[in-house]
């Protein structure tokens, strides 16, 4: 048996701030130095990538990506210091939360989780 967890953050209105998909976008921007290259790498449209970045910025109230001057050939995009720190802290939190869930599973769930076990005189199926 394997336990799976998925961690994401939402604002008070229930709108996504960051999760697996947004992390992929930010890492692709970091890797490629460009929103359009990040979009291509992820198989997404530029508009979709930019819309998700912009929505996250609006919800956090913090600039996460800044463009670099130079036009299409020499321009690009970089993550702000706030974005790098936000991503680092979220990934650290997510990793520790996953570890805690796995420890809890080991402590509370038997090796073979019996869906129909013998409990209180109930016959096993």
N, C-alpha and C. Protein backbone atom coordinates (compact mmCIF):
# COMPACT_ATOMS: atom_id res chain seq x y z
N UNK A 1 0.85 -1.17 0.00
CA UNK A 1 0.00 0.00 0.00
C UNK A 1 0.90 1.23 0.00
N UNK A 2 0.50 2.26 -0.72
CA UNK A 2 1.24 3.51 -0.78
C UNK A 2 0.27 4.65 -0.54
N UNK A 3 0.67 5.55 0.30
CA UNK A 3 -0.13 6.74 0.60
C UNK A 3 0.28 7.85 -0.36
N UNK A 4 -0.69 8.55 -0.92
CA UNK A 4 -0.42 9.69 -1.80
C UNK A 4 -1.01 10.94 -1.17
N UNK A 5 -0.30 12.03 -1.29
CA UNK A 5 -0.81 13.31 -0.81
C UNK A 5 -0.64 14.34 -1.92
N UNK A 6 -1.49 15.33 -1.88
CA UNK A 6 -1.40 16.45 -2.81
C UNK A 6 -1.60 17.70 -1.97
N UNK A 7 -0.65 18.59 -2.01
CA UNK A 7 -0.69 19.81 -1.21
C UNK A 7 -0.83 21.00 -2.15
N UNK A 8 -1.73 21.89 -1.83
CA UNK A 8 -1.84 23.16 -2.55
C UNK A 8 -2.33 24.21 -1.57
N UNK A 9 -2.13 25.45 -1.91
CA UNK A 9 -2.60 26.57 -1.09
C UNK A 9 -3.67 27.33 -1.84
N UNK A 10 -4.69 27.72 -1.10
CA UNK A 10 -5.76 28.57 -1.64
C UNK A 10 -5.86 29.81 -0.79
N UNK A 11 -6.42 30.88 -1.36
CA UNK A 11 -6.68 32.06 -0.56
C UNK A 11 -7.99 31.87 0.20
N UNK A 12 -8.39 32.86 0.96
CA UNK A 12 -9.62 32.75 1.76
C UNK A 12 -10.87 32.57 0.92
N UNK A 13 -10.82 32.95 -0.35
CA UNK A 13 -11.95 32.78 -1.26
C UNK A 13 -11.96 31.42 -1.94
N UNK A 14 -10.99 30.57 -1.59
CA UNK A 14 -10.91 29.24 -2.19
C UNK A 14 -10.26 29.21 -3.56
N UNK A 15 -9.57 30.29 -3.92
CA UNK A 15 -8.91 30.34 -5.23
C UNK A 15 -7.45 29.92 -5.08
N UNK A 16 -6.96 29.16 -6.04
CA UNK A 16 -5.63 28.59 -6.00
C UNK A 16 -4.54 29.67 -5.95
N UNK A 17 -3.60 29.46 -5.03
CA UNK A 17 -2.39 30.28 -4.98
C UNK A 17 -1.22 29.51 -5.59
N UNK A 18 -1.01 28.30 -5.09
CA UNK A 18 0.08 27.50 -5.63
C UNK A 18 -0.21 26.03 -5.38
N UNK A 19 0.19 25.24 -6.33
CA UNK A 19 0.07 23.79 -6.26
C UNK A 19 1.04 23.22 -7.28
N UNK A 20 0.89 21.95 -7.59
CA UNK A 20 1.82 21.27 -8.49
C UNK A 20 1.93 21.95 -9.85
N UNK A 21 0.80 22.33 -10.43
CA UNK A 21 0.81 22.95 -11.75
C UNK A 21 1.50 24.30 -11.78
N UNK A 22 1.21 25.13 -10.79
CA UNK A 22 1.85 26.46 -10.73
C UNK A 22 3.34 26.31 -10.48
N UNK A 23 3.72 25.34 -9.66
CA UNK A 23 5.15 25.12 -9.43
C UNK A 23 5.86 24.75 -10.74
N UNK A 24 5.22 23.92 -11.55
CA UNK A 24 5.81 23.56 -12.84
C UNK A 24 6.02 24.79 -13.70
N UNK A 25 5.05 25.69 -13.69
CA UNK A 25 5.17 26.93 -14.47
C UNK A 25 6.34 27.76 -13.96
N UNK A 26 6.42 27.98 -12.65
CA UNK A 26 7.51 28.80 -12.11
C UNK A 26 8.88 28.17 -12.35
N UNK A 27 8.97 26.85 -12.22
CA UNK A 27 10.24 26.18 -12.49
C UNK A 27 10.62 26.28 -13.97
N UNK A 28 9.64 26.19 -14.85
CA UNK A 28 9.91 26.32 -16.29
C UNK A 28 10.37 27.73 -16.63
N UNK A 29 9.78 28.74 -15.99
CA UNK A 29 10.23 30.12 -16.22
C UNK A 29 11.66 30.27 -15.72
N UNK A 30 11.94 29.73 -14.55
CA UNK A 30 13.28 29.79 -13.98
C UNK A 30 14.29 29.12 -14.91
N UNK A 31 13.92 27.97 -15.45
CA UNK A 31 14.82 27.19 -16.32
C UNK A 31 15.04 27.87 -17.67
N UNK A 32 13.96 28.35 -18.28
CA UNK A 32 14.05 28.87 -19.65
C UNK A 32 14.31 30.37 -19.73
N UNK A 33 13.97 31.10 -18.67
CA UNK A 33 14.15 32.56 -18.70
C UNK A 33 13.15 33.27 -19.58
N UNK A 34 12.02 32.61 -19.84
CA UNK A 34 11.04 33.18 -20.76
C UNK A 34 9.67 32.58 -20.52
N UNK A 35 8.64 33.42 -20.57
CA UNK A 35 7.28 32.91 -20.45
C UNK A 35 6.90 32.06 -21.66
N UNK A 36 7.27 32.52 -22.85
CA UNK A 36 6.89 31.77 -24.05
C UNK A 36 7.64 30.44 -24.12
N UNK A 37 8.91 30.42 -23.74
CA UNK A 37 9.66 29.16 -23.74
C UNK A 37 9.12 28.22 -22.66
N UNK A 38 8.75 28.78 -21.52
CA UNK A 38 8.15 27.96 -20.46
C UNK A 38 6.84 27.35 -20.95
N UNK A 39 6.04 28.15 -21.63
CA UNK A 39 4.77 27.65 -22.17
C UNK A 39 5.01 26.51 -23.16
N UNK A 40 5.96 26.69 -24.06
CA UNK A 40 6.28 25.63 -25.02
C UNK A 40 6.74 24.36 -24.31
N UNK A 41 7.61 24.52 -23.32
CA UNK A 41 8.13 23.35 -22.59
C UNK A 41 7.00 22.58 -21.89
N UNK A 42 6.00 23.31 -21.42
CA UNK A 42 4.90 22.68 -20.68
C UNK A 42 3.74 22.26 -21.59
N UNK A 43 3.83 22.58 -22.88
CA UNK A 43 2.75 22.26 -23.80
C UNK A 43 1.51 23.10 -23.55
N UNK A 44 1.73 24.34 -23.12
CA UNK A 44 0.63 25.26 -22.82
C UNK A 44 0.75 26.48 -23.72
N UNK A 45 -0.33 27.23 -23.81
CA UNK A 45 -0.26 28.48 -24.56
C UNK A 45 0.38 29.56 -23.67
N UNK A 46 0.98 30.54 -24.34
CA UNK A 46 1.56 31.68 -23.62
C UNK A 46 0.48 32.34 -22.76
N UNK A 47 -0.70 32.50 -23.34
CA UNK A 47 -1.80 33.15 -22.64
C UNK A 47 -2.18 32.41 -21.36
N UNK A 48 -2.20 31.07 -21.41
CA UNK A 48 -2.55 30.28 -20.23
C UNK A 48 -1.50 30.44 -19.14
N UNK A 49 -0.22 30.37 -19.53
CA UNK A 49 0.86 30.53 -18.55
C UNK A 49 0.80 31.91 -17.93
N UNK A 50 0.70 32.94 -18.77
CA UNK A 50 0.67 34.31 -18.25
C UNK A 50 -0.56 34.52 -17.37
N UNK A 51 -1.70 33.96 -17.76
CA UNK A 51 -2.92 34.11 -16.95
C UNK A 51 -2.78 33.48 -15.57
N UNK A 52 -2.14 32.33 -15.49
CA UNK A 52 -1.95 31.66 -14.20
C UNK A 52 -0.96 32.42 -13.32
N UNK A 53 0.11 32.92 -13.94
CA UNK A 53 1.08 33.72 -13.20
C UNK A 53 0.41 34.98 -12.67
N UNK A 54 -0.31 35.65 -13.55
CA UNK A 54 -0.98 36.91 -13.18
C UNK A 54 -2.01 36.70 -12.07
N UNK A 55 -2.80 35.62 -12.17
CA UNK A 55 -3.80 35.32 -11.15
C UNK A 55 -3.13 35.08 -9.80
N UNK A 56 -2.02 34.36 -9.80
CA UNK A 56 -1.30 34.10 -8.55
C UNK A 56 -0.75 35.40 -7.98
N UNK A 57 -0.19 36.24 -8.83
CA UNK A 57 0.31 37.54 -8.37
C UNK A 57 -0.81 38.38 -7.77
N UNK A 58 -1.94 38.44 -8.45
CA UNK A 58 -3.08 39.22 -7.96
C UNK A 58 -3.57 38.70 -6.60
N UNK A 59 -3.64 37.38 -6.46
CA UNK A 59 -4.16 36.78 -5.23
C UNK A 59 -3.19 36.95 -4.07
N UNK A 60 -1.89 36.93 -4.35
CA UNK A 60 -0.89 37.12 -3.30
C UNK A 60 -0.60 38.59 -3.03
N UNK A 61 -0.87 39.42 -4.04
CA UNK A 61 -0.54 40.84 -3.91
C UNK A 61 0.95 41.09 -4.01
N UNK A 62 1.65 40.22 -4.74
CA UNK A 62 3.10 40.31 -4.88
C UNK A 62 3.49 40.03 -6.32
N UNK A 63 4.43 40.80 -6.84
CA UNK A 63 4.96 40.55 -8.18
C UNK A 63 5.87 39.33 -8.13
N UNK A 64 5.62 38.34 -8.99
CA UNK A 64 6.38 37.10 -8.98
C UNK A 64 7.31 36.96 -10.19
N UNK A 65 6.92 37.57 -11.31
CA UNK A 65 7.70 37.48 -12.54
C UNK A 65 7.91 38.89 -13.07
N UNK A 66 9.15 39.16 -13.47
CA UNK A 66 9.41 40.45 -14.09
C UNK A 66 10.05 40.23 -15.44
N UNK A 67 9.65 41.06 -16.39
CA UNK A 67 10.20 40.96 -17.74
C UNK A 67 11.54 41.65 -17.82
N UNK A 68 12.33 41.20 -18.77
CA UNK A 68 13.62 41.83 -19.02
C UNK A 68 13.53 42.55 -20.36
N UNK A 69 14.08 43.73 -20.44
CA UNK A 69 14.03 44.52 -21.67
C UNK A 69 14.87 43.86 -22.75
N UNK A 70 14.52 44.16 -24.00
CA UNK A 70 15.35 43.66 -25.09
C UNK A 70 14.56 43.06 -26.22
N UNK A 71 13.24 43.08 -26.14
CA UNK A 71 12.44 42.56 -27.23
C UNK A 71 12.42 41.05 -27.24
N UNK A 72 11.82 40.51 -28.27
CA UNK A 72 11.60 39.07 -28.36
C UNK A 72 12.90 38.27 -28.39
N UNK A 73 13.94 38.81 -29.07
CA UNK A 73 15.19 38.06 -29.19
C UNK A 73 16.02 38.09 -27.91
N UNK A 74 16.04 39.20 -27.22
CA UNK A 74 16.93 39.36 -26.08
C UNK A 74 16.19 39.56 -24.76
N UNK A 75 14.91 39.61 -24.81
CA UNK A 75 14.12 39.80 -23.60
C UNK A 75 13.86 38.47 -22.92
N UNK A 76 12.99 38.50 -21.97
CA UNK A 76 12.66 37.27 -21.28
C UNK A 76 11.95 37.58 -19.99
N UNK A 77 12.00 36.64 -19.10
CA UNK A 77 11.33 36.81 -17.81
C UNK A 77 12.14 36.10 -16.74
N UNK A 78 12.15 36.70 -15.57
CA UNK A 78 12.82 36.10 -14.42
C UNK A 78 11.87 36.14 -13.24
N UNK A 79 12.10 35.23 -12.31
CA UNK A 79 11.31 35.23 -11.08
C UNK A 79 11.88 36.28 -10.14
N UNK A 80 11.00 36.95 -9.43
CA UNK A 80 11.44 37.92 -8.44
C UNK A 80 11.99 37.18 -7.22
N UNK A 81 12.69 37.90 -6.37
CA UNK A 81 13.20 37.32 -5.13
C UNK A 81 12.04 36.78 -4.29
N UNK A 82 10.92 37.50 -4.29
CA UNK A 82 9.74 37.06 -3.53
C UNK A 82 9.22 35.73 -4.07
N UNK A 83 9.24 35.56 -5.39
CA UNK A 83 8.77 34.32 -6.00
C UNK A 83 9.68 33.16 -5.62
N UNK A 84 10.97 33.37 -5.70
CA UNK A 84 11.93 32.31 -5.37
C UNK A 84 11.76 31.89 -3.91
N UNK A 85 11.61 32.86 -3.03
CA UNK A 85 11.44 32.55 -1.60
C UNK A 85 10.10 31.85 -1.35
N UNK A 86 9.04 32.31 -1.99
CA UNK A 86 7.71 31.69 -1.85
C UNK A 86 7.75 30.24 -2.30
N UNK A 87 8.36 29.98 -3.45
CA UNK A 87 8.46 28.62 -3.98
C UNK A 87 9.28 27.74 -3.04
N UNK A 88 10.42 28.26 -2.59
CA UNK A 88 11.29 27.49 -1.69
C UNK A 88 10.54 27.10 -0.42
N UNK A 89 9.84 28.05 0.17
CA UNK A 89 9.13 27.78 1.42
C UNK A 89 7.96 26.82 1.20
N UNK A 90 7.23 26.99 0.10
CA UNK A 90 6.12 26.09 -0.18
C UNK A 90 6.62 24.67 -0.40
N UNK A 91 7.70 24.52 -1.18
CA UNK A 91 8.24 23.18 -1.45
C UNK A 91 8.75 22.53 -0.16
N UNK A 92 9.38 23.31 0.70
CA UNK A 92 9.85 22.78 1.98
C UNK A 92 8.66 22.34 2.84
N UNK A 93 7.63 23.17 2.89
CA UNK A 93 6.42 22.83 3.64
C UNK A 93 5.78 21.56 3.08
N UNK A 94 5.65 21.49 1.77
CA UNK A 94 5.01 20.35 1.12
C UNK A 94 5.78 19.06 1.39
N UNK A 95 7.10 19.14 1.31
CA UNK A 95 7.93 17.96 1.57
C UNK A 95 7.76 17.47 3.01
N UNK A 96 7.78 18.40 3.96
CA UNK A 96 7.63 18.01 5.38
C UNK A 96 6.22 17.49 5.66
N UNK A 97 5.22 18.09 5.05
CA UNK A 97 3.85 17.62 5.24
C UNK A 97 3.68 16.20 4.69
N UNK A 98 4.27 15.93 3.54
CA UNK A 98 4.22 14.59 2.95
C UNK A 98 4.92 13.58 3.85
N UNK A 99 6.07 13.94 4.39
CA UNK A 99 6.78 13.06 5.31
C UNK A 99 5.93 12.74 6.54
N UNK A 100 5.25 13.76 7.06
CA UNK A 100 4.41 13.56 8.24
C UNK A 100 3.23 12.64 7.94
N UNK A 101 2.64 12.78 6.76
CA UNK A 101 1.53 11.91 6.37
C UNK A 101 2.03 10.47 6.25
N UNK A 102 3.20 10.28 5.67
CA UNK A 102 3.76 8.93 5.55
C UNK A 102 4.05 8.33 6.92
N UNK A 103 4.60 9.13 7.84
CA UNK A 103 4.85 8.64 9.20
C UNK A 103 3.54 8.28 9.90
N UNK A 104 2.54 9.07 9.73
CA UNK A 104 1.23 8.81 10.32
C UNK A 104 0.63 7.52 9.75
N UNK A 105 0.79 7.31 8.46
CA UNK A 105 0.28 6.08 7.83
C UNK A 105 0.97 4.86 8.41
N UNK A 106 2.29 4.92 8.58
CA UNK A 106 3.03 3.80 9.15
C UNK A 106 2.55 3.52 10.57
N UNK A 107 2.31 4.58 11.33
CA UNK A 107 1.90 4.42 12.73
C UNK A 107 0.46 3.94 12.88
N UNK A 108 -0.41 4.32 11.97
CA UNK A 108 -1.84 4.07 12.18
C UNK A 108 -2.45 2.99 11.29
N UNK A 109 -1.81 2.68 10.18
CA UNK A 109 -2.38 1.71 9.26
C UNK A 109 -1.55 0.43 9.28
N UNK A 110 -2.21 -0.72 9.31
CA UNK A 110 -1.47 -1.98 9.29
C UNK A 110 -0.80 -2.18 7.93
N UNK A 111 0.14 -3.13 7.90
CA UNK A 111 0.86 -3.41 6.65
C UNK A 111 -0.09 -3.72 5.50
N UNK A 112 -1.09 -4.53 5.81
CA UNK A 112 -2.10 -4.86 4.80
C UNK A 112 -3.41 -4.32 5.33
N UNK A 113 -3.86 -3.26 4.76
CA UNK A 113 -5.06 -2.59 5.23
C UNK A 113 -6.29 -3.44 4.92
N UNK A 114 -6.84 -4.15 5.91
CA UNK A 114 -7.98 -5.03 5.64
C UNK A 114 -9.28 -4.24 5.51
N UNK A 115 -9.78 -4.19 4.32
CA UNK A 115 -11.04 -3.49 4.09
C UNK A 115 -12.16 -4.21 4.83
N UNK A 116 -12.16 -5.52 4.79
CA UNK A 116 -13.16 -6.31 5.50
C UNK A 116 -12.45 -7.19 6.53
N UNK A 117 -11.99 -6.60 7.59
CA UNK A 117 -11.27 -7.35 8.60
C UNK A 117 -12.22 -7.90 9.65
N UNK A 118 -11.69 -8.74 10.52
CA UNK A 118 -12.46 -9.31 11.61
C UNK A 118 -12.41 -8.35 12.79
N UNK A 119 -13.53 -7.68 13.07
CA UNK A 119 -13.59 -6.73 14.18
C UNK A 119 -14.87 -6.98 14.97
N UNK A 120 -14.73 -7.02 16.25
CA UNK A 120 -15.90 -7.12 17.15
C UNK A 120 -16.86 -8.22 16.73
N UNK A 121 -16.32 -9.38 16.40
CA UNK A 121 -17.18 -10.49 16.07
C UNK A 121 -17.73 -10.48 14.66
N UNK A 122 -17.36 -9.51 13.86
CA UNK A 122 -17.81 -9.45 12.48
C UNK A 122 -16.94 -10.40 11.68
N UNK A 123 -17.56 -11.25 10.90
CA UNK A 123 -16.86 -12.25 10.11
C UNK A 123 -16.05 -11.61 8.98
N UNK A 124 -14.87 -12.16 8.75
CA UNK A 124 -14.09 -11.72 7.60
C UNK A 124 -14.76 -12.20 6.32
N UNK A 125 -14.66 -11.41 5.28
CA UNK A 125 -15.23 -11.78 3.98
C UNK A 125 -14.15 -12.27 3.09
